[in-house]
């Protein structure tokens, strides 16, 4: 009999922090239970949804959040794989509350002029 991995996926309590202006900050007291299989894309969705739910953003600010990607770090190490892999690398246990820092990702450089 086949069991789905979703049922047995470990979870971890997380809080989010940032140095971005206050309008882009989520409540630091808010602890969220996340699957340890979460990736950067998953965390992007979570943080953006929290920002929308808290209704701090309007107009151009809301549009900016929806169109820009966020990057995430734990203990000064960027999340490039799953949360579990990063926690293993850093020696963190899923019983701990993990603090995740976020900021806007840098946009890729755009070529302005090409020299033949």
Protein backbone atom coordinates (compact mmCIF):
# COMPACT_ATOMS: atom_id res chain seq x y z
CA UNK A 1 0.00 0.00 0.00
CA UNK A 2 1.34 3.41 -1.03
CA UNK A 3 1.37 6.28 1.47
CA UNK A 4 1.75 9.86 0.39
CA UNK A 5 4.79 11.75 1.56
CA UNK A 6 2.60 14.77 2.31
CA UNK A 7 1.09 13.00 5.34
CA UNK A 8 4.50 12.33 6.87
CA UNK A 9 6.20 15.62 5.99
CA UNK A 10 7.79 17.18 9.08
CA UNK A 11 6.82 20.71 9.94
CA UNK A 12 8.61 23.54 11.71
CA UNK A 13 7.42 26.69 13.48
CA UNK A 14 8.77 29.81 11.74
CA UNK A 15 8.76 33.54 12.26
CA UNK A 16 9.63 36.10 9.62
CA UNK A 17 11.85 39.17 10.04
CA UNK A 18 13.05 41.87 7.65
CA UNK A 19 14.93 45.15 7.46
CA UNK A 20 12.52 46.41 4.78
CA UNK A 21 10.35 49.46 5.54
CA UNK A 22 7.51 48.84 7.99
CA UNK A 23 4.88 48.59 5.26
CA UNK A 24 6.63 45.40 4.01
CA UNK A 25 7.01 43.81 7.43
CA UNK A 26 4.85 41.00 8.73
CA UNK A 27 3.97 40.64 12.40
CA UNK A 28 7.10 39.27 14.07
CA UNK A 29 5.02 37.64 16.81
CA UNK A 30 3.23 35.51 14.21
CA UNK A 31 4.51 31.92 14.23
CA UNK A 32 3.64 29.88 11.18
CA UNK A 33 3.83 26.11 10.82
CA UNK A 34 5.56 25.27 7.52
CA UNK A 35 6.43 22.00 5.83
CA UNK A 36 10.16 21.42 5.89
CA UNK A 37 9.88 20.66 2.16
CA UNK A 38 9.07 24.36 1.59
CA UNK A 39 11.19 26.16 -0.98
CA UNK A 40 11.87 29.80 -1.76
CA UNK A 41 8.80 29.86 -4.02
CA UNK A 42 6.59 28.50 -1.22
CA UNK A 43 7.86 31.09 1.26
CA UNK A 44 7.27 33.83 -1.33
CA UNK A 45 3.61 32.84 -1.47
CA UNK A 46 3.28 32.67 2.32
CA UNK A 47 4.85 36.07 3.05
CA UNK A 48 3.01 37.82 0.21
CA UNK A 49 -0.29 36.33 1.41
CA UNK A 50 0.38 37.55 4.96
CA UNK A 51 1.14 41.04 3.62
CA UNK A 52 -2.12 41.04 1.68
CA UNK A 53 -4.10 39.72 4.66
CA UNK A 54 -2.66 42.41 6.95
CA UNK A 55 -3.81 45.01 4.37
CA UNK A 56 -0.87 47.35 4.93
CA UNK A 57 -0.19 47.80 1.23
CA UNK A 58 -2.13 49.75 -1.35
CA UNK A 59 -1.73 50.74 -4.98
CA UNK A 60 1.87 50.85 -6.22
CA UNK A 61 3.23 49.16 -3.07
CA UNK A 62 0.85 46.22 -3.45
CA UNK A 63 1.73 45.93 -7.14
CA UNK A 64 5.45 45.97 -6.28
CA UNK A 65 5.06 43.12 -3.78
CA UNK A 66 3.08 41.05 -6.26
CA UNK A 67 5.63 41.47 -9.05
CA UNK A 68 8.92 41.19 -7.15
CA UNK A 69 10.48 38.06 -5.73
CA UNK A 70 11.62 37.74 -2.16
CA UNK A 71 14.76 35.99 -0.99
CA UNK A 72 15.05 34.21 2.34
CA UNK A 73 17.87 33.51 4.79
CA UNK A 74 18.27 31.50 7.97
CA UNK A 75 21.33 32.26 10.11
CA UNK A 76 22.80 34.39 7.28
CA UNK A 77 22.56 31.52 4.76
CA UNK A 78 20.32 31.93 1.72
CA UNK A 79 17.57 29.38 1.17
CA UNK A 80 18.34 27.79 -2.21
CA UNK A 81 16.93 24.29 -1.65
CA UNK A 82 14.29 23.09 0.79
CA UNK A 83 13.91 24.39 4.31
CA UNK A 84 14.83 20.90 5.61
CA UNK A 85 18.09 20.81 3.66
CA UNK A 86 19.06 24.24 4.97
CA UNK A 87 18.14 23.27 8.53
CA UNK A 88 20.26 20.10 8.22
CA UNK A 89 23.17 22.14 6.91
CA UNK A 90 22.87 24.56 9.84
CA UNK A 91 22.22 21.85 12.45
CA UNK A 92 18.75 23.16 13.34
CA UNK A 93 16.04 20.91 14.77
CA UNK A 94 12.40 21.00 13.69
CA UNK A 95 11.44 21.39 17.38
CA UNK A 96 13.00 24.88 17.38
CA UNK A 97 11.29 28.03 16.15
CA UNK A 98 13.22 29.03 13.03
CA UNK A 99 13.62 32.74 12.28
CA UNK A 100 13.58 33.42 8.56
CA UNK A 101 14.82 36.77 7.27
CA UNK A 102 13.51 38.09 3.96
CA UNK A 103 14.22 40.91 1.54
CA UNK A 104 13.50 41.74 -2.06
CA UNK A 105 15.64 39.80 -4.52
CA UNK A 106 17.88 41.81 -6.75
CA UNK A 107 16.58 42.11 -10.28
CA UNK A 108 18.68 40.54 -12.98
CA UNK A 109 20.80 43.11 -14.79
CA UNK A 110 19.27 44.32 -18.02
CA UNK A 111 21.44 44.83 -21.02
CA UNK A 112 21.23 48.48 -22.08
CA UNK A 113 23.73 48.64 -24.90
CA UNK A 114 25.49 45.96 -26.83
CA UNK A 115 28.79 46.62 -28.47
CA UNK A 116 29.24 44.66 -31.69
